[in-house]
């Protein structure tokens, strides 16, 4: 069970998330840090993410400059779509009592407004 869950967009902050995982693993141990690319196995990856989120106590949301504007094939911002995995991760984390959600702004990204 990982105590720290790292949420990020690959197109926006993958390198930052990996670096963060490496640094945290040195302090807390590898089994305490969840990064999808390290842990997800075959099968329903959304269910695996949900189980990991339910077991963590801290969610670090790595936010780069493009985090809000990365779009799908129809040019809709992915964060506004109900099935966007990062939207779901954050919503689930915020809904769980006892989970601390911490935004990590990288590459001079601005803090998103609450309505975003």
PDB file of N, CA and C in Angstrom:
ATOM      1  N   UNK A   1       0.845  -1.179   0.000  1.00  0.00           N
ATOM      2  CA  UNK A   1       0.000   0.000   0.000  1.00  0.00           C
ATOM      3  C   UNK A   1       0.886   1.237   0.000  1.00  0.00           C
ATOM      4  N   UNK A   2       0.688   2.087  -0.988  1.00  0.00           N
ATOM      5  CA  UNK A   2       1.450   3.327  -1.078  1.00  0.00           C
ATOM      6  C   UNK A   2       0.751   4.420  -0.294  1.00  0.00           C
ATOM      7  N   UNK A   3       1.492   5.181   0.440  1.00  0.00           N
ATOM      8  CA  UNK A   3       0.924   6.280   1.194  1.00  0.00           C
ATOM      9  C   UNK A   3       0.847   7.560   0.394  1.00  0.00           C
ATOM     10  N   UNK A   4       1.692   7.655  -0.637  1.00  0.00           N
ATOM     11  CA  UNK A   4       1.759   8.866  -1.463  1.00  0.00           C
ATOM     12  C   UNK A   4       1.418   8.500  -2.904  1.00  0.00           C
ATOM     13  N   UNK A   5       0.409   9.149  -3.451  1.00  0.00           N
ATOM     14  CA  UNK A   5      -0.043   8.921  -4.828  1.00  0.00           C
ATOM     15  C   UNK A   5       0.355  10.142  -5.648  1.00  0.00           C
ATOM     16  N   UNK A   6       1.039   9.924  -6.772  1.00  0.00           N
ATOM     17  CA  UNK A   6       1.427  11.027  -7.641  1.00  0.00           C
ATOM     18  C   UNK A   6       0.533  11.030  -8.870  1.00  0.00           C
ATOM     19  N   UNK A   7      -0.206  12.123  -9.042  1.00  0.00           N
ATOM     20  CA  UNK A   7      -1.089  12.313 -10.197  1.00  0.00           C
ATOM     21  C   UNK A   7      -0.442  13.336 -11.122  1.00  0.00           C
ATOM     22  N   UNK A   8      -0.400  13.031 -12.402  1.00  0.00           N
ATOM     23  CA  UNK A   8       0.251  13.914 -13.372  1.00  0.00           C
ATOM     24  C   UNK A   8      -0.262  13.603 -14.768  1.00  0.00           C
ATOM     25  N   UNK A   9      -0.050  14.532 -15.683  1.00  0.00           N
ATOM     26  CA  UNK A   9      -0.334  14.286 -17.096  1.00  0.00           C
ATOM     27  C   UNK A   9       0.987  13.982 -17.787  1.00  0.00           C
ATOM     28  N   UNK A  10       1.032  12.866 -18.520  1.00  0.00           N
ATOM     29  CA  UNK A  10       2.271  12.486 -19.196  1.00  0.00           C
ATOM     30  C   UNK A  10       2.741  13.555 -20.164  1.00  0.00           C
ATOM     31  N   UNK A  11       1.813  14.171 -20.878  1.00  0.00           N
ATOM     32  CA  UNK A  11       2.184  15.170 -21.880  1.00  0.00           C
ATOM     33  C   UNK A  11       2.654  16.483 -21.257  1.00  0.00           C
ATOM     34  N   UNK A  12       2.439  16.634 -19.974  1.00  0.00           N
ATOM     35  CA  UNK A  12       2.707  17.906 -19.319  1.00  0.00           C
ATOM     36  C   UNK A  12       3.822  17.838 -18.281  1.00  0.00           C
ATOM     37  N   UNK A  13       3.869  16.776 -17.495  1.00  0.00           N
ATOM     38  CA  UNK A  13       4.789  16.787 -16.357  1.00  0.00           C
ATOM     39  C   UNK A  13       5.363  15.409 -16.022  1.00  0.00           C
ATOM     40  N   UNK A  14       5.507  14.546 -17.004  1.00  0.00           N
ATOM     41  CA  UNK A  14       5.999  13.190 -16.751  1.00  0.00           C
ATOM     42  C   UNK A  14       7.378  13.201 -16.094  1.00  0.00           C
ATOM     43  N   UNK A  15       8.297  13.973 -16.634  1.00  0.00           N
ATOM     44  CA  UNK A  15       9.659  14.005 -16.071  1.00  0.00           C
ATOM     45  C   UNK A  15       9.650  14.509 -14.632  1.00  0.00           C
ATOM     46  N   UNK A  16       8.826  15.515 -14.349  1.00  0.00           N
ATOM     47  CA  UNK A  16       8.714  16.038 -12.991  1.00  0.00           C
ATOM     48  C   UNK A  16       8.179  14.962 -12.050  1.00  0.00           C
ATOM     49  N   UNK A  17       7.170  14.227 -12.484  1.00  0.00           N
ATOM     50  CA  UNK A  17       6.563  13.189 -11.653  1.00  0.00           C
ATOM     51  C   UNK A  17       7.577  12.080 -11.349  1.00  0.00           C
ATOM     52  N   UNK A  18       8.357  11.690 -12.339  1.00  0.00           N
ATOM     53  CA  UNK A  18       9.361  10.646 -12.142  1.00  0.00           C
ATOM     54  C   UNK A  18      10.437  11.129 -11.162  1.00  0.00           C
ATOM     55  N   UNK A  19      10.889  12.357 -11.332  1.00  0.00           N
ATOM     56  CA  UNK A  19      11.882  12.910 -10.415  1.00  0.00           C
ATOM     57  C   UNK A  19      11.352  12.999  -8.993  1.00  0.00           C
ATOM     58  N   UNK A  20      10.114  13.401  -8.863  1.00  0.00           N
ATOM     59  CA  UNK A  20       9.477  13.491  -7.555  1.00  0.00           C
ATOM     60  C   UNK A  20       9.384  12.102  -6.920  1.00  0.00           C
ATOM     61  N   UNK A  21       8.961  11.120  -7.723  1.00  0.00           N
ATOM     62  CA  UNK A  21       8.895   9.732  -7.232  1.00  0.00           C
ATOM     63  C   UNK A  21      10.259   9.266  -6.736  1.00  0.00           C
ATOM     64  N   UNK A  22      11.297   9.529  -7.508  1.00  0.00           N
ATOM     65  CA  UNK A  22      12.645   9.095  -7.130  1.00  0.00           C
ATOM     66  C   UNK A  22      13.074   9.712  -5.806  1.00  0.00           C
ATOM     67  N   UNK A  23      12.849  11.004  -5.650  1.00  0.00           N
ATOM     68  CA  UNK A  23      13.237  11.690  -4.418  1.00  0.00           C
ATOM     69  C   UNK A  23      12.429  11.196  -3.218  1.00  0.00           C
ATOM     70  N   UNK A  24      11.122  11.027  -3.403  1.00  0.00           N
ATOM     71  CA  UNK A  24      10.275  10.554  -2.302  1.00  0.00           C
ATOM     72  C   UNK A  24      10.602   9.120  -1.910  1.00  0.00           C
ATOM     73  N   UNK A  25      10.926   8.281  -2.890  1.00  0.00           N
ATOM     74  CA  UNK A  25      11.260   6.883  -2.608  1.00  0.00           C
ATOM     75  C   UNK A  25      12.529   6.776  -1.764  1.00  0.00           C
ATOM     76  N   UNK A  26      13.446   7.702  -1.936  1.00  0.00           N
ATOM     77  CA  UNK A  26      14.672   7.701  -1.121  1.00  0.00           C
ATOM     78  C   UNK A  26      14.358   7.980   0.343  1.00  0.00           C
ATOM     79  N   UNK A  27      13.352   8.781   0.588  1.00  0.00           N
ATOM     80  CA  UNK A  27      12.994   9.168   1.957  1.00  0.00           C
ATOM     81  C   UNK A  27      11.998   8.187   2.578  1.00  0.00           C
ATOM     82  N   UNK A  28      10.943   7.802   1.824  1.00  0.00           N
ATOM     83  CA  UNK A  28       9.850   7.011   2.377  1.00  0.00           C
ATOM     84  C   UNK A  28       9.865   5.542   1.980  1.00  0.00           C
ATOM     85  N   UNK A  29      10.660   5.140   1.046  1.00  0.00           N
ATOM     86  CA  UNK A  29      10.784   3.810   0.444  1.00  0.00           C
ATOM     87  C   UNK A  29       9.874   3.706  -0.785  1.00  0.00           C
ATOM     88  N   UNK A  30      10.300   2.881  -1.715  1.00  0.00           N
ATOM     89  CA  UNK A  30       9.592   2.753  -2.995  1.00  0.00           C
ATOM     90  C   UNK A  30       8.157   2.278  -2.831  1.00  0.00           C
ATOM     91  N   UNK A  31       7.910   1.391  -1.877  1.00  0.00           N
ATOM     92  CA  UNK A  31       6.559   0.846  -1.731  1.00  0.00           C
ATOM     93  C   UNK A  31       5.578   1.839  -1.120  1.00  0.00           C
ATOM     94  N   UNK A  32       6.055   3.005  -0.706  1.00  0.00           N
ATOM     95  CA  UNK A  32       5.181   4.037  -0.151  1.00  0.00           C
ATOM     96  C   UNK A  32       4.798   5.104  -1.173  1.00  0.00           C
ATOM     97  N   UNK A  33       5.337   4.987  -2.396  1.00  0.00           N
ATOM     98  CA  UNK A  33       5.087   5.998  -3.428  1.00  0.00           C
ATOM     99  C   UNK A  33       4.445   5.318  -4.637  1.00  0.00           C
ATOM    100  N   UNK A  34       3.250   5.791  -5.011  1.00  0.00           N
ATOM    101  CA  UNK A  34       2.534   5.240  -6.164  1.00  0.00           C
ATOM    102  C   UNK A  34       2.695   6.157  -7.366  1.00  0.00           C
ATOM    103  N   UNK A  35       3.288   5.620  -8.413  1.00  0.00           N
ATOM    104  CA  UNK A  35       3.366   6.283  -9.716  1.00  0.00           C
ATOM    105  C   UNK A  35       2.863   5.264 -10.727  1.00  0.00           C
ATOM    106  N   UNK A  36       1.840   5.621 -11.483  1.00  0.00           N
ATOM    107  CA  UNK A  36       1.156   4.662 -12.349  1.00  0.00           C
ATOM    108  C   UNK A  36       2.091   3.840 -13.218  1.00  0.00           C
ATOM    109  N   UNK A  37       3.083   4.445 -13.824  1.00  0.00           N
ATOM    110  CA  UNK A  37       3.947   3.721 -14.760  1.00  0.00           C
ATOM    111  C   UNK A  37       4.752   2.623 -14.074  1.00  0.00           C
ATOM    112  N   UNK A  38       4.918   2.711 -12.765  1.00  0.00           N
ATOM    113  CA  UNK A  38       5.666   1.707 -12.015  1.00  0.00           C
ATOM    114  C   UNK A  38       4.803   0.551 -11.539  1.00  0.00           C
ATOM    115  N   UNK A  39       3.539   0.809 -11.291  1.00  0.00           N
ATOM    116  CA  UNK A  39       2.719  -0.120 -10.523  1.00  0.00           C
ATOM    117  C   UNK A  39       1.587  -0.777 -11.307  1.00  0.00           C
ATOM    118  N   UNK A  40       1.022  -0.087 -12.278  1.00  0.00           N
ATOM    119  CA  UNK A  40      -0.148  -0.638 -12.971  1.00  0.00           C
ATOM    120  C   UNK A  40       0.201  -1.920 -13.709  1.00  0.00           C
ATOM    121  N   UNK A  41      -0.657  -2.908 -13.538  1.00  0.00           N
ATOM    122  CA  UNK A  41      -0.471  -4.185 -14.203  1.00  0.00           C
ATOM    123  C   UNK A  41      -1.546  -4.416 -15.248  1.00  0.00           C
ATOM    124  N   UNK A  42      -1.583  -5.614 -15.805  1.00  0.00           N
ATOM    125  CA  UNK A  42      -2.624  -5.923 -16.785  1.00  0.00           C
ATOM    126  C   UNK A  42      -4.005  -5.835 -16.142  1.00  0.00           C
ATOM    127  N   UNK A  43      -4.990  -5.554 -16.955  1.00  0.00           N
ATOM    128  CA  UNK A  43      -6.356  -5.483 -16.448  1.00  0.00           C
ATOM    129  C   UNK A  43      -6.894  -4.071 -16.483  1.00  0.00           C
ATOM    130  N   UNK A  44      -7.921  -3.849 -15.719  1.00  0.00           N
ATOM    131  CA  UNK A  44      -8.601  -2.559 -15.706  1.00  0.00           C
ATOM    132  C   UNK A  44      -7.764  -1.551 -14.919  1.00  0.00           C
ATOM    133  N   UNK A  45      -7.084  -0.670 -15.636  1.00  0.00           N
ATOM    134  CA  UNK A  45      -6.183   0.267 -14.973  1.00  0.00           C
ATOM    135  C   UNK A  45      -6.931   1.329 -14.180  1.00  0.00           C
ATOM    136  N   UNK A  46      -8.157   1.667 -14.593  1.00  0.00           N
ATOM    137  CA  UNK A  46      -8.926   2.647 -13.816  1.00  0.00           C
ATOM    138  C   UNK A  46      -9.271   2.086 -12.432  1.00  0.00           C
ATOM    139  N   UNK A  47      -9.613   0.811 -12.369  1.00  0.00           N
ATOM    140  CA  UNK A  47      -9.888   0.185 -11.073  1.00  0.00           C
ATOM    141  C   UNK A  47      -8.628   0.139 -10.215  1.00  0.00           C
ATOM    142  N   UNK A  48      -7.490  -0.123 -10.840  1.00  0.00           N
ATOM    143  CA  UNK A  48      -6.230  -0.150 -10.100  1.00  0.00           C
ATOM    144  C   UNK A  48      -5.900   1.225  -9.532  1.00  0.00           C
ATOM    145  N   UNK A  49      -6.140   2.262 -10.325  1.00  0.00           N
ATOM    146  CA  UNK A  49      -5.915   3.621  -9.838  1.00  0.00           C
ATOM    147  C   UNK A  49      -6.843   3.938  -8.672  1.00  0.00           C
ATOM    148  N   UNK A  50      -8.101   3.549  -8.794  1.00  0.00           N
ATOM    149  CA  UNK A  50      -9.068   3.815  -7.734  1.00  0.00           C
ATOM    150  C   UNK A  50      -8.661   3.122  -6.439  1.00  0.00           C
ATOM    151  N   UNK A  51      -8.246   1.852  -6.524  1.00  0.00           N
ATOM    152  CA  UNK A  51      -7.814   1.125  -5.320  1.00  0.00           C
ATOM    153  C   UNK A  51      -6.610   1.811  -4.681  1.00  0.00           C
ATOM    154  N   UNK A  52      -5.666   2.240  -5.508  1.00  0.00           N
ATOM    155  CA  UNK A  52      -4.476   2.913  -4.976  1.00  0.00           C
ATOM    156  C   UNK A  52      -4.852   4.220  -4.290  1.00  0.00           C
ATOM    157  N   UNK A  53      -5.749   4.974  -4.902  1.00  0.00           N
ATOM    158  CA  UNK A  53      -6.189   6.240  -4.306  1.00  0.00           C
ATOM    159  C   UNK A  53      -6.905   6.014  -2.976  1.00  0.00           C
ATOM    160  N   UNK A  54      -7.669   4.956  -2.885  1.00  0.00           N
ATOM    161  CA  UNK A  54      -8.406   4.664  -1.659  1.00  0.00           C
ATOM    162  C   UNK A  54      -7.478   4.290  -0.510  1.00  0.00           C
ATOM    163  N   UNK A  55      -6.268   3.862  -0.824  1.00  0.00           N
ATOM    164  CA  UNK A  55      -5.330   3.419   0.199  1.00  0.00           C
ATOM    165  C   UNK A  55      -4.281   4.470   0.567  1.00  0.00           C
ATOM    166  N   UNK A  56      -4.235   5.562  -0.149  1.00  0.00           N
ATOM    167  CA  UNK A  56      -3.194   6.554   0.119  1.00  0.00           C
ATOM    168  C   UNK A  56      -3.671   7.586   1.142  1.00  0.00           C
ATOM    169  N   UNK A  57      -2.716   8.305   1.688  1.00  0.00           N
ATOM    170  CA  UNK A  57      -3.059   9.379   2.616  1.00  0.00           C
ATOM    171  C   UNK A  57      -2.711  10.750   2.047  1.00  0.00           C
ATOM    172  N   UNK A  58      -1.874  10.769   1.010  1.00  0.00           N
ATOM    173  CA  UNK A  58      -1.478  12.021   0.363  1.00  0.00           C
ATOM    174  C   UNK A  58      -1.534  11.839  -1.148  1.00  0.00           C
ATOM    175  N   UNK A  59      -2.115  12.826  -1.844  1.00  0.00           N
ATOM    176  CA  UNK A  59      -2.107  12.846  -3.307  1.00  0.00           C
ATOM    177  C   UNK A  59      -1.377  14.111  -3.732  1.00  0.00           C
ATOM    178  N   UNK A  60      -0.307  13.921  -4.485  1.00  0.00           N
ATOM    179  CA  UNK A  60       0.435  15.044  -5.046  1.00  0.00           C
ATOM    180  C   UNK A  60      -0.011  15.209  -6.489  1.00  0.00           C
ATOM    181  N   UNK A  61      -0.561  16.359  -6.818  1.00  0.00           N
ATOM    182  CA  UNK A  61      -1.031  16.630  -8.174  1.00  0.00           C
ATOM    183  C   UNK A  61       0.002  17.524  -8.848  1.00  0.00           C
ATOM    184  N   UNK A  62       0.746  16.951  -9.784  1.00  0.00           N
ATOM    185  CA  UNK A  62       1.795  17.687 -10.482  1.00  0.00           C
ATOM    186  C   UNK A  62       1.150  18.446 -11.638  1.00  0.00           C
ATOM    187  N   UNK A  63       1.262  19.773 -11.587  1.00  0.00           N
ATOM    188  CA  UNK A  63       0.574  20.645 -12.544  1.00  0.00           C
ATOM    189  C   UNK A  63       1.596  21.464 -13.311  1.00  0.00           C
ATOM    190  N   UNK A  64       1.650  21.221 -14.623  1.00  0.00           N
ATOM    191  CA  UNK A  64       2.516  22.002 -15.504  1.00  0.00           C
ATOM    192  C   UNK A  64       1.715  23.071 -16.224  1.00  0.00           C
ATOM    193  N   UNK A  65       2.368  23.811 -17.088  1.00  0.00           N
ATOM    194  CA  UNK A  65       1.722  24.921 -17.802  1.00  0.00           C
ATOM    195  C   UNK A  65       0.534  24.487 -18.654  1.00  0.00           C
ATOM    196  N   UNK A  66       0.568  23.269 -19.183  1.00  0.00           N
ATOM    197  CA  UNK A  66      -0.477  22.811 -20.108  1.00  0.00           C
ATOM    198  C   UNK A  66      -1.529  21.933 -19.447  1.00  0.00           C
ATOM    199  N   UNK A  67      -1.450  21.763 -18.154  1.00  0.00           N
ATOM    200  CA  UNK A  67      -2.308  20.817 -17.442  1.00  0.00           C
ATOM    201  C   UNK A  67      -3.792  21.059 -17.711  1.00  0.00           C
ATOM    202  N   UNK A  68      -4.209  22.314 -17.737  1.00  0.00           N
ATOM    203  CA  UNK A  68      -5.623  22.644 -17.980  1.00  0.00           C
ATOM    204  C   UNK A  68      -6.000  22.666 -19.457  1.00  0.00           C
ATOM    205  N   UNK A  69      -5.042  22.844 -20.330  1.00  0.00           N
ATOM    206  CA  UNK A  69      -5.367  23.080 -21.742  1.00  0.00           C
ATOM    207  C   UNK A  69      -5.143  21.876 -22.652  1.00  0.00           C
ATOM    208  N   UNK A  70      -4.534  20.811 -22.162  1.00  0.00           N
ATOM    209  CA  UNK A  70      -4.348  19.628 -23.004  1.00  0.00           C
ATOM    210  C   UNK A  70      -5.726  19.148 -23.442  1.00  0.00           C
ATOM    211  N   UNK A  71      -5.887  18.959 -24.758  1.00  0.00           N
ATOM    212  CA  UNK A  71      -7.211  18.683 -25.336  1.00  0.00           C
ATOM    213  C   UNK A  71      -7.293  17.276 -25.918  1.00  0.00           C
ATOM    214  N   UNK A  72      -8.538  16.824 -26.094  1.00  0.00           N
ATOM    215  CA  UNK A  72      -8.780  15.544 -26.752  1.00  0.00           C
ATOM    216  C   UNK A  72      -8.817  15.749 -28.261  1.00  0.00           C
ATOM    217  N   UNK A  73      -9.196  14.713 -28.996  1.00  0.00           N
ATOM    218  CA  UNK A  73      -9.209  14.794 -30.463  1.00  0.00           C
ATOM    219  C   UNK A  73     -10.245  15.778 -31.008  1.00  0.00           C
ATOM    220  N   UNK A  74     -11.196  16.210 -30.171  1.00  0.00           N
ATOM    221  CA  UNK A  74     -12.211  17.183 -30.578  1.00  0.00           C
ATOM    222  C   UNK A  74     -11.885  18.592 -30.058  1.00  0.00           C
ATOM    223  N   UNK A  75     -10.643  18.758 -29.588  1.00  0.00           N
ATOM    224  CA  UNK A  75     -10.149  20.043 -29.071  1.00  0.00           C
ATOM    225  C   UNK A  75     -10.863  20.515 -27.805  1.00  0.00           C
ATOM    226  N   UNK A  76     -11.427  19.574 -27.044  1.00  0.00           N
ATOM    227  CA  UNK A  76     -12.042  19.907 -25.751  1.00  0.00           C
ATOM    228  C   UNK A  76     -10.990  19.713 -24.667  1.00  0.00           C
ATOM    229  N   UNK A  77     -10.864  20.646 -23.750  1.00  0.00           N
ATOM    230  CA  UNK A  77      -9.911  20.450 -22.659  1.00  0.00           C
ATOM    231  C   UNK A  77     -10.238  19.156 -21.911  1.00  0.00           C
ATOM    232  N   UNK A  78      -9.257  18.276 -21.787  1.00  0.00           N
ATOM    233  CA  UNK A  78      -9.508  16.975 -21.170  1.00  0.00           C
ATOM    234  C   UNK A  78      -9.977  17.098 -19.724  1.00  0.00           C
ATOM    235  N   UNK A  79      -9.471  18.081 -18.992  1.00  0.00           N
ATOM    236  CA  UNK A  79      -9.839  18.220 -17.586  1.00  0.00           C
ATOM    237  C   UNK A  79     -11.341  18.480 -17.419  1.00  0.00           C
ATOM    238  N   UNK A  80     -11.992  18.992 -18.462  1.00  0.00           N
ATOM    239  CA  UNK A  80     -13.434  19.284 -18.366  1.00  0.00           C
ATOM    240  C   UNK A  80     -14.298  18.071 -18.706  1.00  0.00           C
ATOM    241  N   UNK A  81     -13.704  16.987 -19.154  1.00  0.00           N
ATOM    242  CA  UNK A  81     -14.458  15.792 -19.543  1.00  0.00           C
ATOM    243  C   UNK A  81     -14.652  14.865 -18.340  1.00  0.00           C
ATOM    244  N   UNK A  82     -15.860  14.385 -18.128  1.00  0.00           N
ATOM    245  CA  UNK A  82     -16.137  13.543 -16.959  1.00  0.00           C
ATOM    246  C   UNK A  82     -15.286  12.273 -16.897  1.00  0.00           C
ATOM    247  N   UNK A  83     -14.856  11.746 -18.048  1.00  0.00           N
ATOM    248  CA  UNK A  83     -14.073  10.508 -18.035  1.00  0.00           C
ATOM    249  C   UNK A  83     -12.560  10.747 -18.040  1.00  0.00           C
ATOM    250  N   UNK A  84     -12.138  11.998 -17.877  1.00  0.00           N
ATOM    251  CA  UNK A  84     -10.704  12.297 -17.819  1.00  0.00           C
ATOM    252  C   UNK A  84     -10.121  11.671 -16.555  1.00  0.00           C
ATOM    253  N   UNK A  85      -9.096  10.875 -16.702  1.00  0.00           N
ATOM    254  CA  UNK A  85      -8.531  10.135 -15.580  1.00  0.00           C
ATOM    255  C   UNK A  85      -8.011  11.059 -14.480  1.00  0.00           C
ATOM    256  N   UNK A  86      -7.413  12.168 -14.838  1.00  0.00           N
ATOM    257  CA  UNK A  86      -6.873  13.074 -13.821  1.00  0.00           C
ATOM    258  C   UNK A  86      -7.985  13.808 -13.079  1.00  0.00           C
ATOM    259  N   UNK A  87      -9.011  14.163 -13.790  1.00  0.00           N
ATOM    260  CA  UNK A  87     -10.184  14.759 -13.134  1.00  0.00           C
ATOM    261  C   UNK A  87     -10.756  13.771 -12.120  1.00  0.00           C
ATOM    262  N   UNK A  88     -10.869  12.494 -12.526  1.00  0.00           N
ATOM    263  CA  UNK A  88     -11.404  11.467 -11.648  1.00  0.00           C
ATOM    264  C   UNK A  88     -10.493  11.224 -10.446  1.00  0.00           C
ATOM    265  N   UNK A  89      -9.184  11.196 -10.683  1.00  0.00           N
ATOM    266  CA  UNK A  89      -8.241  11.000  -9.574  1.00  0.00           C
ATOM    267  C   UNK A  89      -8.398  12.096  -8.530  1.00  0.00           C
ATOM    268  N   UNK A  90      -8.443  13.323  -8.985  1.00  0.00           N
ATOM    269  CA  UNK A  90      -8.531  14.455  -8.062  1.00  0.00           C
ATOM    270  C   UNK A  90      -9.879  14.472  -7.346  1.00  0.00           C
ATOM    271  N   UNK A  91     -10.951  14.220  -8.084  1.00  0.00           N
ATOM    272  CA  UNK A  91     -12.279  14.192  -7.460  1.00  0.00           C
ATOM    273  C   UNK A  91     -12.348  13.109  -6.391  1.00  0.00           C
ATOM    274  N   UNK A  92     -11.814  11.938  -6.695  1.00  0.00           N
ATOM    275  CA  UNK A  92     -11.829  10.852  -5.719  1.00  0.00           C
ATOM    276  C   UNK A  92     -10.979  11.217  -4.498  1.00  0.00           C
ATOM    277  N   UNK A  93      -9.814  11.772  -4.730  1.00  0.00           N
ATOM    278  CA  UNK A  93      -8.945  12.165  -3.613  1.00  0.00           C
ATOM    279  C   UNK A  93      -9.618  13.210  -2.734  1.00  0.00           C
ATOM    280  N   UNK A  94     -10.249  14.200  -3.357  1.00  0.00           N
ATOM    281  CA  UNK A  94     -10.911  15.255  -2.588  1.00  0.00           C
ATOM    282  C   UNK A  94     -12.129  14.747  -1.822  1.00  0.00           C
ATOM    283  N   UNK A  95     -12.733  13.679  -2.313  1.00  0.00           N
ATOM    284  CA  UNK A  95     -13.931  13.151  -1.658  1.00  0.00           C
ATOM    285  C   UNK A  95     -13.610  12.229  -0.478  1.00  0.00           C
ATOM    286  N   UNK A  96     -12.374  11.776  -0.386  1.00  0.00           N
ATOM    287  CA  UNK A  96     -12.001  10.862   0.694  1.00  0.00           C
ATOM    288  C   UNK A  96     -11.522  11.622   1.917  1.00  0.00           C
ATOM    289  N   UNK A  97     -12.186  11.364   2.980  1.00  0.00           N
ATOM    290  CA  UNK A  97     -11.824  11.981   4.251  1.00  0.00           C
ATOM    291  C   UNK A  97     -10.446  11.477   4.681  1.00  0.00           C
ATOM    292  N   UNK A  98      -9.630  12.356   5.147  1.00  0.00           N
ATOM    293  CA  UNK A  98      -8.312  11.962   5.622  1.00  0.00           C
ATOM    294  C   UNK A  98      -7.235  11.957   4.555  1.00  0.00           C
ATOM    295  N   UNK A  99      -7.585  12.276   3.311  1.00  0.00           N
ATOM    296  CA  UNK A  99      -6.598  12.357   2.246  1.00  0.00           C
ATOM    297  C   UNK A  99      -6.209  13.818   2.055  1.00  0.00           C
ATOM    298  N   UNK A 100      -4.924  14.076   2.065  1.00  0.00           N
ATOM    299  CA  UNK A 100      -4.418  15.419   1.838  1.00  0.00           C
ATOM    300  C   UNK A 100      -4.037  15.545   0.369  1.00  0.00           C
ATOM    301  N   UNK A 101      -4.582  16.548  -0.311  1.00  0.00           N
ATOM    302  CA  UNK A 101      -4.278  16.792  -1.726  1.00  0.00           C
ATOM    303  C   UNK A 101      -3.384  18.021  -1.804  1.00  0.00           C
ATOM    304  N   UNK A 102      -2.215  17.841  -2.421  1.00  0.00           N
ATOM    305  CA  UNK A 102      -1.240  18.923  -2.506  1.00  0.00           C
ATOM    306  C   UNK A 102      -0.900  19.182  -3.975  1.00  0.00           C
ATOM    307  N   UNK A 103      -1.180  20.383  -4.471  1.00  0.00           N
ATOM    308  CA  UNK A 103      -0.764  20.712  -5.840  1.00  0.00           C
ATOM    309  C   UNK A 103       0.731  21.018  -5.861  1.00  0.00           C
ATOM    310  N   UNK A 104       1.398  20.514  -6.887  1.00  0.00           N
ATOM    311  CA  UNK A 104       2.815  20.776  -7.100  1.00  0.00           C
ATOM    312  C   UNK A 104       2.921  21.493  -8.444  1.00  0.00           C
ATOM    313  N   UNK A 105       3.186  22.782  -8.419  1.00  0.00           N
ATOM    314  CA  UNK A 105       3.279  23.576  -9.642  1.00  0.00           C
ATOM    315  C   UNK A 105       4.697  23.497 -10.198  1.00  0.00           C
ATOM    316  N   UNK A 106       4.814  23.128 -11.491  1.00  0.00           N
ATOM    317  CA  UNK A 106       6.123  23.003 -12.137  1.00  0.00           C
ATOM    318  C   UNK A 106       6.162  23.834 -13.411  1.00  0.00           C
ATOM    319  N   UNK A 107       7.356  24.105 -13.870  1.00  0.00           N
ATOM    320  CA  UNK A 107       7.546  24.877 -15.113  1.00  0.00           C
ATOM    321  C   UNK A 107       6.806  26.200 -15.094  1.00  0.00           C
ATOM    322  N   UNK A 108       6.819  26.864 -13.960  1.00  0.00           N
ATOM    323  CA  UNK A 108       6.187  28.178 -13.804  1.00  0.00           C
ATOM    324  C   UNK A 108       4.676  28.160 -14.058  1.00  0.00           C
ATOM    325  N   UNK A 109       4.050  27.020 -13.810  1.00  0.00           N
ATOM    326  CA  UNK A 109       2.592  26.919 -13.964  1.00  0.00           C
ATOM    327  C   UNK A 109       1.915  27.756 -12.889  1.00  0.00           C
ATOM    328  N   UNK A 110       0.752  28.286 -13.244  1.00  0.00           N
ATOM    329  CA  UNK A 110      -0.052  29.059 -12.282  1.00  0.00           C
ATOM    330  C   UNK A 110      -1.050  28.116 -11.610  1.00  0.00           C
ATOM    331  N   UNK A 111      -1.417  28.436 -10.397  1.00  0.00           N
ATOM    332  CA  UNK A 111      -2.406  27.650  -9.665  1.00  0.00           C
ATOM    333  C   UNK A 111      -3.756  27.801 -10.368  1.00  0.00           C
ATOM    334  N   UNK A 112      -4.395  26.687 -10.753  1.00  0.00           N
ATOM    335  CA  UNK A 112      -5.718  26.781 -11.376  1.00  0.00           C
ATOM    336  C   UNK A 112      -6.724  27.390 -10.392  1.00  0.00           C
ATOM    337  N   UNK A 113      -7.666  28.099 -10.935  1.00  0.00           N
ATOM    338  CA  UNK A 113      -8.743  28.664 -10.115  1.00  0.00           C
ATOM    339  C   UNK A 113      -9.702  27.541  -9.736  1.00  0.00           C
ATOM    340  N   UNK A 114     -10.419  27.693  -8.655  1.00  0.00           N
ATOM    341  CA  UNK A 114     -11.315  26.651  -8.152  1.00  0.00           C
ATOM    342  C   UNK A 114     -12.317  26.204  -9.216  1.00  0.00           C
ATOM    343  N   UNK A 115     -12.865  27.138  -9.988  1.00  0.00           N
ATOM    344  CA  UNK A 115     -13.864  26.766 -10.997  1.00  0.00           C
ATOM    345  C   UNK A 115     -13.248  25.943 -12.135  1.00  0.00           C
ATOM    346  N   UNK A 116     -11.939  26.036 -12.302  1.00  0.00           N
ATOM    347  CA  UNK A 116     -11.268  25.263 -13.345  1.00  0.00           C
ATOM    348  C   UNK A 116     -11.040  23.845 -12.902  1.00  0.00           C
TER     349      UNK A 116
END
